[in-house]
C-alpha cells in the first residue's frame, strides 16, 4: 500500500471527523446505534469522496467489503440471540438465577467468575463476540442491571482479545509486521496486556459496590488477575496461540478452591450500596420452583464448551470442517493519492463450520431438542406469556444488524480511502519517539474501535506501527506490543461489540449509556499502557 496520503492538519481533522461524529452521536447526544452508525458511515464516505480523492468504484468496493466483514459478527449475533431465546422460553434463566443464588452465597464472587473468568475462557477458544453473547444473559439472571451487565461483558475480557481465539490476532500480526524477535514481541505484548487484565477485574468490583467492594474483593482480583495475566505471559514464551486459553482454563479450575475461602464463600458484608444490582423485593422462598434443575439450566454452556473444544482441538475434525471457506472476489481499486488495494480472489473467507456462529447454532439446536423433549417449554408457558422463538429472534436481531453493518462499512471506507493512514501518520509526524511510544497503543485501540476486532486492528495498523517504529529508532517489538495491547482494550468501546451486548440484554438504544461507563475505563488503561510502553522503550 502506498503512503502518499496527505498528513496536513486539515486532512487529519477530516479523517478523524467520522469517528468523532460517531462518539458524539452515541454519548452526549444519546442517539441509538441504528441512527448513529449510518450517519458516521455517510460522513466517512463524503470525506473520502471530497477530500481523499476516492473514486466511486473504490467506495463501492470498500462498502461491499464492509458488509462482508459484518457477516463475521452477524454470524455470531443471530445464533447467539437464537440460543438466548431457546434458553429463555424454556425457563432456564429463572432456574439458573434461583439455582446460583442457592449454590453460592457471595454474589460478587459469582459475578467475577462469570464476567471475568468465564468470558476470558470463552474468548480463549471462541471469540468473535461469543463471550458477550453467552455471559450477558447469565449476569442478568443473577441480578445485574442490563447496562452494567453489558459493560462487564465487553470490558472485563478485553485483555484476552489479542492472544484469544487460539491466537488468531497474534498470527495475523506476524503476517503484516516486520519483526525480528517473535519471542520478544509476544513477551512485551503480554506484559502490557497485564494492565487491562487486572483493571478488568477491578472494573467489575467497582461497578458492583465502589470502594467498599474493592476493599472486600482485592485479594480475589489479585489472585485471579495473576493467574490470567501472568499465566498468559508465561505460556506466551513457548505457545502464544494457547496462552489465553490455558491461563483462563487454570483460572476456571481455581474458582472452586477460592469459593471455599470463607471471605468469598459467605455473603458479602459491608457493602451498603450496590449500583450494579437490581433490587429483588420478592423473597426467593416465595417464588415457584423452577421448571428445571440447575444442571439442566447450565446445559447450553456445557454443550457450547464441548462443541467448541471438539471442533478446535481435534485436528482431524478441525481440518475436515475448516476446508469449507467462503469468500467473495473483489477487483483492484485505487485512490487519487495512490492508495492501492489489489484484486483478491477470496476476500476474508469465512470458515463456515469452524466459526463460533456455527458452534452457537449447533448448541441452540441441540438445546431446543433436549428442552422440548423434557417438556420445559410447555411448563414455562403456564407461568409466562409464551413468545414464539423466531418472532422474538427477528425483533432483536434485525435492529442489531443495521449498526453493525454501518460500523464495518465505515471501517473499510476509512481504510480504502487512506483516512486510517492519515490518522496514524499524522500522529507519528508530530510526535517525538517517546511521545509516539506513549500513544502507540491508542492507534491499536482506534483500530479496534473501528473494526470491533483485535485481529482486524492489527492487520490494519500492524505494518504501519512497525514501520514508524523503525523510522523513530524504536524497537518494533515494543511498539507492536503496544499495538497489541491497544487492539485488545479498545474492544471495550467498539460500537459493534456494544450493540451486540445491548441487543442480548434487551436494551437496544442504550449504547451511549454503556459507552459512558467504558470510555473512562479505556482512557485509564490507555494512559497506563502509554506510560508502560515508554518505560519499556527506554529500558528494554
Protein backbone atom coordinates (compact mmCIF):
# COMPACT_ATOMS: atom_id res chain seq x y z
CA UNK A 1 0.00 0.00 0.00
CA UNK A 2 1.31 3.47 -0.89
CA UNK A 3 1.89 6.02 1.83
CA UNK A 4 1.25 9.11 -0.32
CA UNK A 5 -1.67 10.21 1.79
CA UNK A 6 -1.89 13.84 2.94
CA UNK A 7 -0.79 14.35 6.53
CA UNK A 8 -1.61 18.06 6.90
CA UNK A 9 -3.84 19.35 9.71
CA UNK A 10 -6.95 19.80 7.55
CA UNK A 11 -6.89 16.25 6.19
CA UNK A 12 -6.12 14.83 9.62
CA UNK A 13 -9.14 16.62 11.12
CA UNK A 14 -11.34 15.42 8.26
CA UNK A 15 -10.05 11.86 8.68
CA UNK A 16 -10.99 11.72 12.37
CA UNK A 17 -14.30 13.52 11.81
CA UNK A 18 -16.40 10.34 11.23
CA UNK A 19 -15.03 8.77 14.42
CA UNK A 20 -15.64 11.91 16.48
CA UNK A 21 -19.11 12.24 14.98
CA UNK A 22 -19.94 8.65 15.94
CA UNK A 23 -18.86 9.21 19.54
CA UNK A 24 -20.80 12.49 19.76
CA UNK A 25 -23.94 10.86 18.36
CA UNK A 26 -23.75 7.93 20.77
CA UNK A 27 -22.60 9.54 24.02
CA UNK A 28 -23.61 13.19 24.56
CA UNK A 29 -26.49 13.19 22.05
CA UNK A 30 -27.62 9.71 23.15
CA UNK A 31 -28.61 8.57 19.67
CA UNK A 32 -29.40 4.92 19.16
CA UNK A 33 -26.78 2.87 17.30
CA UNK A 34 -29.06 2.22 14.27
CA UNK A 35 -29.19 6.00 13.82
CA UNK A 36 -25.59 6.92 14.71
CA UNK A 37 -23.94 4.16 12.67
CA UNK A 38 -25.31 5.13 9.24
CA UNK A 39 -24.60 8.83 9.90
CA UNK A 40 -20.94 8.06 10.66
CA UNK A 41 -20.81 5.88 7.55
CA UNK A 42 -22.10 8.70 5.34
CA UNK A 43 -19.66 11.15 6.92
CA UNK A 44 -16.74 8.81 6.14
CA UNK A 45 -17.97 8.39 2.55
CA UNK A 46 -18.31 12.14 1.97
CA UNK A 47 -14.84 12.84 3.37
CA UNK A 48 -13.41 10.05 1.19
CA UNK A 49 -15.02 11.43 -1.96
CA UNK A 50 -14.33 15.11 -1.37
CA UNK A 51 -11.01 15.25 0.48
CA UNK A 52 -9.25 11.93 -0.21
CA UNK A 53 -9.79 11.58 -3.99
CA UNK A 54 -11.62 8.29 -3.64
CA UNK A 55 -13.40 7.16 -6.83
CA UNK A 56 -16.91 5.77 -6.65
CA UNK A 57 -15.76 2.27 -7.59
CA UNK A 58 -13.28 2.26 -4.69
CA UNK A 59 -16.02 3.45 -2.36
CA UNK A 60 -18.33 0.70 -3.63
CA UNK A 61 -15.70 -2.00 -3.12
CA UNK A 62 -14.94 -0.70 0.37
CA UNK A 63 -18.64 -0.73 1.23
CA UNK A 64 -19.09 -4.26 -0.09
CA UNK A 65 -16.09 -5.48 1.90
CA UNK A 66 -17.52 -3.82 4.99
CA UNK A 67 -20.80 -5.67 4.53
CA UNK A 68 -18.87 -8.91 4.12
CA UNK A 69 -16.80 -8.15 7.24
CA UNK A 70 -20.03 -7.62 9.15
CA UNK A 71 -21.02 -11.20 8.40
CA UNK A 72 -18.32 -12.36 10.85
CA UNK A 73 -20.18 -10.56 13.63
CA UNK A 74 -23.73 -11.18 12.39
CA UNK A 75 -22.88 -14.86 12.21
CA UNK A 76 -22.43 -14.64 15.98
CA UNK A 77 -25.28 -12.23 16.76
CA UNK A 78 -28.07 -14.23 15.10
CA UNK A 79 -27.17 -17.68 16.53
CA UNK A 80 -26.42 -16.11 19.92
CA UNK A 81 -29.83 -14.45 20.03
CA UNK A 82 -31.39 -17.72 18.90
CA UNK A 83 -29.67 -19.58 21.74
CA UNK A 84 -30.82 -16.87 24.14
CA UNK A 85 -34.45 -17.25 23.06
CA UNK A 86 -34.27 -21.05 23.07
CA UNK A 87 -32.98 -20.90 26.62
CA UNK A 88 -35.22 -18.10 27.85
CA UNK A 89 -38.50 -19.52 26.53
CA UNK A 90 -37.82 -22.80 28.37
CA UNK A 91 -37.45 -21.08 31.76
CA UNK A 92 -33.75 -21.86 32.01
CA UNK A 93 -32.72 -18.37 33.15
CA UNK A 94 -35.21 -18.47 36.01
CA UNK A 95 -33.80 -21.84 37.05
CA UNK A 96 -30.26 -20.54 36.68
CA UNK A 97 -30.92 -17.47 38.83
CA UNK A 98 -32.59 -19.43 41.60
CA UNK A 99 -30.02 -22.23 41.46
CA UNK A 100 -26.98 -19.98 41.62
CA UNK A 101 -28.48 -17.98 44.49
CA UNK A 102 -28.74 -21.23 46.47
CA UNK A 103 -25.41 -22.63 45.33
CA UNK A 104 -23.28 -19.64 46.30
CA UNK A 105 -23.95 -17.02 48.95
CA UNK A 106 -21.41 -14.49 47.64
CA UNK A 107 -22.87 -12.78 44.59
CA UNK A 108 -19.75 -10.68 43.91
CA UNK A 109 -17.69 -13.87 43.63
CA UNK A 110 -20.24 -15.30 41.18
CA UNK A 111 -20.25 -12.10 39.10
CA UNK A 112 -16.45 -12.04 38.91
CA UNK A 113 -16.42 -15.70 37.95
CA UNK A 114 -18.91 -15.15 35.14
CA UNK A 115 -17.98 -11.70 33.85
CA UNK A 116 -14.20 -12.02 34.09
CA UNK A 117 -13.08 -15.64 34.18
CA UNK A 118 -15.77 -17.35 32.10
CA UNK A 119 -15.77 -14.63 29.41
CA UNK A 120 -11.98 -14.89 29.19
CA UNK A 121 -12.21 -18.66 28.83
CA UNK A 122 -14.75 -18.30 26.02
CA UNK A 123 -12.58 -15.65 24.34
CA UNK A 124 -9.63 -18.04 24.54
CA UNK A 125 -11.40 -20.69 22.48
CA UNK A 126 -14.11 -18.90 20.51
CA UNK A 127 -14.10 -15.10 20.41
CA UNK A 128 -15.96 -13.17 17.69
CA UNK A 129 -18.46 -11.87 20.25
CA UNK A 130 -19.37 -15.25 21.74
CA UNK A 131 -18.27 -14.29 25.30
CA UNK A 132 -20.59 -11.29 25.33
CA UNK A 133 -23.46 -13.22 23.81
CA UNK A 134 -23.16 -16.06 26.30
CA UNK A 135 -22.32 -14.29 29.55
CA UNK A 136 -24.51 -11.16 29.47
CA UNK A 137 -27.71 -13.26 29.91
CA UNK A 138 -26.04 -15.08 32.80
CA UNK A 139 -25.25 -11.78 34.51
CA UNK A 140 -28.85 -10.67 34.03
CA UNK A 141 -30.00 -13.95 35.56
CA UNK A 142 -28.05 -13.32 38.77
CA UNK A 143 -29.45 -9.81 39.13
CA UNK A 144 -27.00 -7.47 37.37
CA UNK A 145 -28.65 -4.44 35.77
CA UNK A 146 -28.69 -4.61 31.95
CA UNK A 147 -26.36 -1.65 31.27
CA UNK A 148 -23.87 -2.86 33.89
CA UNK A 149 -24.07 -6.40 32.52
CA UNK A 150 -23.10 -5.16 29.06
CA UNK A 151 -20.25 -3.03 30.45
CA UNK A 152 -18.91 -6.01 32.37
CA UNK A 153 -19.35 -8.26 29.36
CA UNK A 154 -17.48 -6.11 26.84
CA UNK A 155 -14.71 -4.68 29.05
CA UNK A 156 -13.66 -7.36 31.51
CA UNK A 157 -12.41 -9.86 28.93
CA UNK A 158 -10.90 -7.27 26.57
CA UNK A 159 -7.45 -8.30 27.78
CA UNK A 160 -7.98 -11.73 26.15
CA UNK A 161 -8.66 -10.37 22.68
CA UNK A 162 -5.13 -10.41 21.23
CA UNK A 163 -3.96 -13.93 22.08
CA UNK A 164 -7.53 -15.25 22.32
CA UNK A 165 -9.41 -17.31 19.74
CA UNK A 166 -6.39 -19.60 19.78
CA UNK A 167 -4.02 -16.81 18.80
CA UNK A 168 -5.68 -15.54 15.62
CA UNK A 169 -4.74 -11.90 16.39
CA UNK A 170 -1.13 -12.85 17.08
CA UNK A 171 -0.85 -14.87 13.90
CA UNK A 172 -2.33 -12.03 11.86
CA UNK A 173 0.16 -9.59 13.35
CA UNK A 174 3.08 -11.77 12.30
CA UNK A 175 1.86 -11.55 8.71
CA UNK A 176 1.93 -7.75 8.50
CA UNK A 177 4.57 -6.52 10.97
CA UNK A 178 8.31 -6.51 10.30
CA UNK A 179 9.59 -8.30 13.41
CA UNK A 180 12.91 -9.98 14.05
CA UNK A 181 12.31 -11.37 17.55
CA UNK A 182 8.91 -13.06 17.83
CA UNK A 183 9.51 -14.16 21.42
CA UNK A 184 10.27 -10.59 22.49
CA UNK A 185 7.15 -9.33 20.71
CA UNK A 186 4.97 -11.93 22.43
CA UNK A 187 6.54 -11.17 25.82
CA UNK A 188 6.16 -7.39 25.54
CA UNK A 189 2.60 -7.71 24.26
CA UNK A 190 1.56 -9.93 27.15
CA UNK A 191 3.43 -7.70 29.62
CA UNK A 192 1.45 -4.63 28.52
CA UNK A 193 -1.79 -6.63 28.47
CA UNK A 194 -1.35 -7.20 32.22
CA UNK A 195 -2.78 -3.69 32.67
CA UNK A 196 -6.27 -4.34 31.20
CA UNK A 197 -6.21 -7.79 32.79
CA UNK A 198 -6.08 -6.54 36.37
CA UNK A 199 -8.16 -3.45 35.64
CA UNK A 200 -10.84 -5.62 34.03
CA UNK A 201 -11.43 -7.37 37.32
CA UNK A 202 -11.27 -4.10 39.25
CA UNK A 203 -13.88 -2.58 36.93
CA UNK A 204 -16.38 -5.31 37.80
CA UNK A 205 -15.78 -4.86 41.52
CA UNK A 206 -16.03 -1.06 41.27
CA UNK A 207 -19.28 -1.24 39.31
CA UNK A 208 -20.69 -3.66 41.86
CA UNK A 209 -20.10 -1.68 45.05
CA UNK A 210 -17.50 1.07 44.64
CA UNK A 211 -14.63 1.30 47.18
CA UNK A 212 -16.31 -0.93 49.75
CA UNK A 213 -16.40 -3.71 47.17
CA UNK A 214 -12.77 -3.07 46.19
CA UNK A 215 -11.68 -3.43 49.82
CA UNK A 216 -13.59 -6.69 50.06
CA UNK A 217 -12.53 -8.29 46.77
CA UNK A 218 -8.99 -7.03 46.11
CA UNK A 219 -7.33 -10.35 47.13
CA UNK A 220 -9.57 -12.21 44.70
CA UNK A 221 -8.81 -9.75 41.90
CA UNK A 222 -5.09 -10.03 42.60
CA UNK A 223 -5.12 -13.84 42.56
CA UNK A 224 -7.32 -14.29 39.50
CA UNK A 225 -5.59 -11.46 37.64
CA UNK A 226 -2.22 -13.08 38.24
CA UNK A 227 -3.46 -16.46 37.06
CA UNK A 228 -4.93 -14.88 33.93
CA UNK A 229 -2.35 -12.23 33.07
CA UNK A 230 0.90 -13.71 34.33
CA UNK A 231 -0.26 -17.14 33.20
CA UNK A 232 -0.73 -15.80 29.68
CA UNK A 233 2.68 -14.12 29.82
CA UNK A 234 4.46 -17.33 30.83
CA UNK A 235 2.74 -19.52 28.24
CA UNK A 236 3.37 -16.88 25.54
CA UNK A 237 7.08 -17.72 25.72
CA UNK A 238 6.53 -21.12 24.12
CA UNK A 239 2.98 -21.08 22.70
CA UNK A 240 1.31 -17.67 22.19
CA UNK A 241 -1.61 -19.35 20.41
CA UNK A 242 -2.61 -21.26 23.56
CA UNK A 243 -1.63 -18.65 26.17
CA UNK A 244 -5.05 -17.11 26.79
CA UNK A 245 -6.92 -20.41 26.65
CA UNK A 246 -4.61 -22.21 29.09
CA UNK A 247 -4.46 -19.27 31.53
CA UNK A 248 -8.25 -18.92 31.55
CA UNK A 249 -8.70 -22.67 31.96
CA UNK A 250 -6.47 -22.63 35.05
CA UNK A 251 -8.42 -19.66 36.41
CA UNK A 252 -11.67 -21.59 35.93
CA UNK A 253 -10.26 -24.50 37.90
CA UNK A 254 -9.05 -22.12 40.62
CA UNK A 255 -12.59 -20.85 41.22
CA UNK A 256 -13.55 -23.92 43.26
CA UNK A 257 -10.84 -23.68 45.94
CA UNK A 258 -11.30 -19.90 46.04
CA UNK A 259 -15.03 -20.37 46.67
CA UNK A 260 -14.12 -22.41 49.80
CA UNK A 261 -12.36 -19.36 51.22
CA UNK A 262 -14.68 -18.01 53.93
CA UNK A 263 -14.15 -14.42 52.76
CA UNK A 264 -15.66 -15.28 49.38
CA UNK A 265 -17.92 -18.14 50.38
CA UNK A 266 -20.09 -16.24 52.83
CA UNK A 267 -22.49 -13.47 51.79
CA UNK A 268 -20.93 -10.11 51.02
CA UNK A 269 -20.79 -7.86 54.08
CA UNK A 270 -20.07 -4.15 54.49
CA UNK A 271 -21.20 -3.04 51.01
CA UNK A 272 -24.32 -0.96 51.65
CA UNK A 273 -24.76 0.33 48.09
CA UNK A 274 -24.65 -1.97 45.07
CA UNK A 275 -25.16 0.23 41.97
CA UNK A 276 -24.86 -2.65 39.52
CA UNK A 277 -27.54 -4.84 41.06
CA UNK A 278 -31.28 -4.97 40.56
CA UNK A 279 -33.47 -4.72 43.62
CA UNK A 280 -35.21 -8.01 44.30
CA UNK A 281 -38.01 -7.28 46.74
CA UNK A 282 -39.61 -10.69 46.39
CA UNK A 283 -38.27 -13.32 48.79
CA UNK A 284 -36.79 -16.22 46.86
CA UNK A 285 -38.63 -18.64 49.16
CA UNK A 286 -41.95 -17.32 47.87
CA UNK A 287 -41.06 -17.97 44.25
CA UNK A 288 -42.35 -21.01 42.43
CA UNK A 289 -39.87 -23.81 41.97
CA UNK A 290 -38.05 -23.62 38.62
CA UNK A 291 -39.21 -25.86 35.81
CA UNK A 292 -35.77 -27.45 35.51
CA UNK A 293 -32.75 -28.23 37.65
CA UNK A 294 -29.66 -26.05 37.90
CA UNK A 295 -27.70 -28.68 35.95
CA UNK A 296 -30.21 -28.55 33.08
CA UNK A 297 -30.10 -24.75 33.04
CA UNK A 298 -26.32 -24.99 32.52
CA UNK A 299 -26.79 -27.41 29.61
CA UNK A 300 -26.35 -24.75 26.87
CA UNK A 301 -22.95 -23.70 28.20
CA UNK A 302 -21.74 -27.25 28.71
CA UNK A 303 -22.73 -28.13 25.14
CA UNK A 304 -21.19 -24.95 23.74
CA UNK A 305 -17.89 -25.62 25.51
CA UNK A 306 -17.85 -29.26 24.40
CA UNK A 307 -18.66 -28.39 20.77
CA UNK A 308 -16.09 -25.60 20.64
CA UNK A 309 -13.28 -27.63 22.19
CA UNK A 310 -14.11 -30.58 19.98
CA UNK A 311 -14.03 -28.56 16.78
CA UNK A 312 -10.94 -26.52 17.61
CA UNK A 313 -8.75 -29.02 19.45
CA UNK A 314 -9.36 -32.26 17.50
CA UNK A 315 -7.05 -31.80 14.48
CA UNK A 316 -8.75 -34.22 12.03
CA UNK A 317 -12.19 -32.75 12.74
CA UNK A 318 -10.90 -29.20 12.56
CA UNK A 319 -9.14 -29.90 9.26
CA UNK A 320 -12.22 -31.55 7.75
CA UNK A 321 -14.57 -28.75 8.77
CA UNK A 322 -12.07 -25.96 8.13
CA UNK A 323 -11.78 -26.72 4.43
CA UNK A 324 -15.19 -25.17 3.82
CA UNK A 325 -14.32 -21.49 3.48
CA UNK A 326 -16.41 -18.98 1.62
CA UNK A 327 -15.06 -15.66 0.39
CA UNK A 328 -16.02 -13.15 -2.30
CA UNK A 329 -13.81 -11.86 -5.14
CA UNK A 330 -13.09 -8.14 -5.34
CA UNK A 331 -11.33 -6.13 -8.08
CA UNK A 332 -8.30 -3.90 -7.71
CA UNK A 333 -9.13 -0.33 -6.63
CA UNK A 334 -7.06 2.80 -6.03
CA UNK A 335 -7.46 6.43 -4.98
CA UNK A 336 -6.10 9.71 -6.31
CA UNK A 337 -3.50 9.69 -3.54
CA UNK A 338 -2.15 6.32 -4.61
CA UNK A 339 -3.80 4.10 -2.02
CA UNK A 340 -3.81 0.71 -3.70
CA UNK A 341 -5.92 -2.30 -2.78
CA UNK A 342 -5.08 -5.25 -5.04
CA UNK A 343 -7.60 -7.62 -6.53
CA UNK A 344 -8.38 -10.61 -4.37
CA UNK A 345 -9.96 -13.89 -5.33
CA UNK A 346 -11.42 -14.67 -1.90
CA UNK A 347 -11.66 -11.74 0.49
CA UNK A 348 -11.73 -12.60 4.22
CA UNK A 349 -13.09 -16.12 3.68
CA UNK A 350 -15.48 -17.29 6.39
CA UNK A 351 -14.75 -20.75 7.79
CA UNK A 352 -18.43 -21.66 7.90
CA UNK A 353 -18.25 -24.78 10.08
CA UNK A 354 -15.46 -23.74 12.49
CA UNK A 355 -16.79 -20.24 13.12
CA UNK A 356 -18.20 -19.60 16.62
CA UNK A 357 -21.52 -18.79 15.00
CA UNK A 358 -21.86 -22.39 13.84
CA UNK A 359 -20.98 -23.60 17.33
CA UNK A 360 -23.68 -21.38 18.80
CA UNK A 361 -26.17 -22.57 16.18
CA UNK A 362 -25.45 -26.26 16.83
CA UNK A 363 -25.76 -25.61 20.56
CA UNK A 364 -29.11 -23.86 20.11
CA UNK A 365 -30.50 -26.73 18.03
CA UNK A 366 -29.35 -29.43 20.47
CA UNK A 367 -30.65 -27.49 23.47
CA UNK A 368 -34.03 -26.93 21.79
CA UNK A 369 -34.47 -30.64 21.14
CA UNK A 370 -33.50 -31.55 24.71
CA UNK A 371 -35.67 -28.92 26.37
CA UNK A 372 -38.61 -29.75 24.11
CA UNK A 373 -38.30 -33.47 24.85
CA UNK A 374 -38.25 -32.69 28.57
CA UNK A 375 -41.41 -30.59 28.31
CA UNK A 376 -39.83 -27.41 29.65
CA UNK A 377 -41.42 -25.11 27.04
CA UNK A 378 -44.90 -26.28 27.93
CA UNK A 379 -44.20 -26.00 31.66
CA UNK A 380 -42.80 -22.47 31.39
CA UNK A 381 -45.68 -21.34 29.15
CA UNK A 382 -48.08 -21.96 32.05
CA UNK A 383 -46.25 -19.28 34.07
CA UNK A 384 -45.24 -16.71 31.46
CA UNK A 385 -46.96 -15.48 28.30
CA UNK A 386 -45.20 -17.58 25.67
CA UNK A 387 -43.29 -15.94 22.83
CA UNK A 388 -42.52 -17.56 19.53
CA UNK A 389 -38.79 -18.09 19.33
CA UNK A 390 -38.44 -16.98 15.72
CA UNK A 391 -40.56 -13.85 16.20
CA UNK A 392 -38.56 -12.83 19.25
CA UNK A 393 -35.34 -13.50 17.34
CA UNK A 394 -36.32 -11.19 14.47
CA UNK A 395 -37.37 -8.42 16.85
CA UNK A 396 -33.93 -8.48 18.48
CA UNK A 397 -31.63 -9.37 15.58
CA UNK A 398 -32.78 -7.12 12.75
CA UNK A 399 -32.26 -3.77 14.60
CA UNK A 400 -28.91 -5.06 15.89
CA UNK A 401 -27.69 -5.90 12.38
CA UNK A 402 -28.07 -2.40 10.91
CA UNK A 403 -25.47 -0.60 13.06
CA UNK A 404 -23.02 -3.49 12.86
CA UNK A 405 -23.08 -3.29 9.06
CA UNK A 406 -22.75 0.51 9.19
CA UNK A 407 -19.77 0.39 11.57
CA UNK A 408 -17.89 -2.16 9.46
CA UNK A 409 -18.59 -0.29 6.22
CA UNK A 410 -17.26 2.86 7.87
CA UNK A 411 -14.11 0.98 8.82
CA UNK A 412 -13.47 -0.24 5.28
CA UNK A 413 -14.08 3.25 3.85
CA UNK A 414 -11.56 4.75 6.28
CA UNK A 415 -9.08 2.05 5.27
CA UNK A 416 -9.55 2.09 1.48
CA UNK A 417 -9.64 5.88 1.20
CA UNK A 418 -6.42 6.31 3.21
CA UNK A 419 -8.07 8.12 6.14
CA UNK A 420 -6.75 5.49 8.57
CA UNK A 421 -3.19 6.03 7.36
CA UNK A 422 -3.57 9.79 7.61
CA UNK A 423 -4.60 9.43 11.24
CA UNK A 424 -1.66 7.13 12.06
CA UNK A 425 0.98 9.05 10.12
CA UNK A 426 -0.35 12.35 11.44
CA UNK A 427 0.21 11.20 15.00
CA UNK A 428 3.69 9.97 14.07
CA UNK A 429 4.63 13.20 12.27
CA UNK A 430 4.02 15.48 15.23
CA UNK A 431 5.46 13.26 17.94
CA UNK A 432 8.94 12.52 19.17
CA UNK A 433 9.93 8.86 19.53
CA UNK A 434 8.92 8.59 23.19
CA UNK A 435 5.72 10.55 22.63
CA UNK A 436 4.88 8.21 19.80
CA UNK A 437 5.56 5.23 22.06
CA UNK A 438 3.13 6.69 24.60
CA UNK A 439 0.29 6.83 22.05
CA UNK A 440 1.08 3.70 20.02
CA UNK A 441 -1.50 1.67 21.91
CA UNK A 442 -4.13 4.33 21.20
CA UNK A 443 -3.67 3.67 17.49
CA UNK A 444 -4.29 -0.01 18.15
CA UNK A 445 -7.37 0.91 20.19
CA UNK A 446 -8.56 3.10 17.31
CA UNK A 447 -8.34 0.09 15.01
CA UNK A 448 -10.35 -1.99 17.47
CA UNK A 449 -12.89 0.82 17.81
CA UNK A 450 -13.37 0.95 14.04
CA UNK A 451 -13.43 -2.79 13.37
CA UNK A 452 -14.58 -4.35 16.70
CA UNK A 453 -11.75 -6.82 16.27
CA UNK A 454 -8.25 -7.12 17.66
CA UNK A 455 -7.26 -9.12 14.60
CA UNK A 456 -8.56 -6.52 12.16
CA UNK A 457 -6.88 -3.72 14.12
CA UNK A 458 -3.53 -5.45 13.86
CA UNK A 459 -3.97 -6.17 10.16
CA UNK A 460 -4.92 -2.51 9.63
CA UNK A 461 -2.16 -0.87 11.68
CA UNK A 462 0.44 -3.54 12.49
CA UNK A 463 2.57 -2.82 9.42
CA UNK A 464 2.25 0.94 9.86
CA UNK A 465 3.28 0.73 13.52
CA UNK A 466 6.38 -1.36 12.84
CA UNK A 467 7.42 0.99 10.01
CA UNK A 468 7.02 4.12 12.13
CA UNK A 469 8.92 2.42 14.96
CA UNK A 470 11.88 1.89 12.66
CA UNK A 471 11.70 5.50 11.42
CA UNK A 472 11.79 6.72 15.03
CA UNK A 473 14.57 4.33 16.04
CA UNK A 474 12.27 2.44 18.42
CA UNK A 475 12.12 -1.29 18.91
CA UNK A 476 9.41 -2.69 16.58
CA UNK A 477 8.74 -5.41 19.16
CA UNK A 478 7.91 -2.78 21.78
CA UNK A 479 5.62 -0.76 19.50
CA UNK A 480 3.90 -3.90 18.25
CA UNK A 481 3.38 -4.85 21.89
CA UNK A 482 1.63 -1.51 22.42
CA UNK A 483 -0.39 -2.04 19.24
CA UNK A 484 -1.41 -5.47 20.53
CA UNK A 485 -2.47 -4.09 23.92
CA UNK A 486 -4.47 -1.31 22.28
CA UNK A 487 -6.13 -3.71 19.88
CA UNK A 488 -7.28 -5.64 22.95
CA UNK A 489 -8.53 -2.96 25.35
CA UNK A 490 -10.03 -0.89 22.50
CA UNK A 491 -12.74 -3.51 22.14
CA UNK A 492 -14.35 -2.16 25.31
CA UNK A 493 -15.54 0.87 23.33
CA UNK A 494 -16.05 -0.79 19.94
CA UNK A 495 -19.60 0.14 18.88
CA UNK A 496 -20.37 -3.21 17.23
CA UNK A 497 -19.41 -5.05 20.43
CA UNK A 498 -21.60 -2.70 22.47
CA UNK A 499 -24.52 -3.23 20.08
CA UNK A 500 -24.14 -6.98 20.47
CA UNK A 501 -24.30 -6.59 24.24
CA UNK A 502 -27.28 -4.23 24.28
CA UNK A 503 -29.15 -6.50 21.87
CA UNK A 504 -28.58 -9.55 24.05
CA UNK A 505 -29.54 -7.57 27.18
CA UNK A 506 -32.73 -6.24 25.63
CA UNK A 507 -31.71 -2.57 25.92
CA UNK A 508 -31.26 -1.58 22.28
CA UNK A 509 -30.78 2.16 22.08
CA UNK A 510 -28.75 2.46 25.30
CA UNK A 511 -25.35 2.09 23.66
CA UNK A 512 -24.42 5.60 24.84
CA UNK A 513 -25.10 4.63 28.45
CA UNK A 514 -22.71 1.71 28.07
CA UNK A 515 -20.01 3.85 26.45
CA UNK A 516 -20.26 6.43 29.22
CA UNK A 517 -19.01 3.71 31.56
CA UNK A 518 -16.46 2.01 29.30
CA UNK A 519 -14.79 5.14 27.89
CA UNK A 520 -13.33 6.32 31.26
CA UNK A 521 -12.03 2.81 31.96
CA UNK A 522 -10.48 2.64 28.49
CA UNK A 523 -8.87 6.06 28.98
CA UNK A 524 -7.25 4.95 32.25
CA UNK A 525 -5.95 1.77 30.62
CA UNK A 526 -4.62 3.79 27.66
CA UNK A 527 -2.71 6.20 29.92
CA UNK A 528 -1.15 3.42 31.99
CA UNK A 529 -0.28 1.44 28.86
CA UNK A 530 1.34 4.53 27.35
CA UNK A 531 3.50 5.05 30.44
CA UNK A 532 4.47 1.37 30.47
CA UNK A 533 5.34 1.48 26.77
CA UNK A 534 7.64 4.48 27.29
CA UNK A 535 9.40 2.71 30.16
CA UNK A 536 9.73 -0.38 28.01
CA UNK A 537 11.16 1.67 25.13
CA UNK A 538 13.77 3.18 27.47
CA UNK A 539 14.85 0.12 29.43
CA UNK A 540 14.23 -2.88 27.15
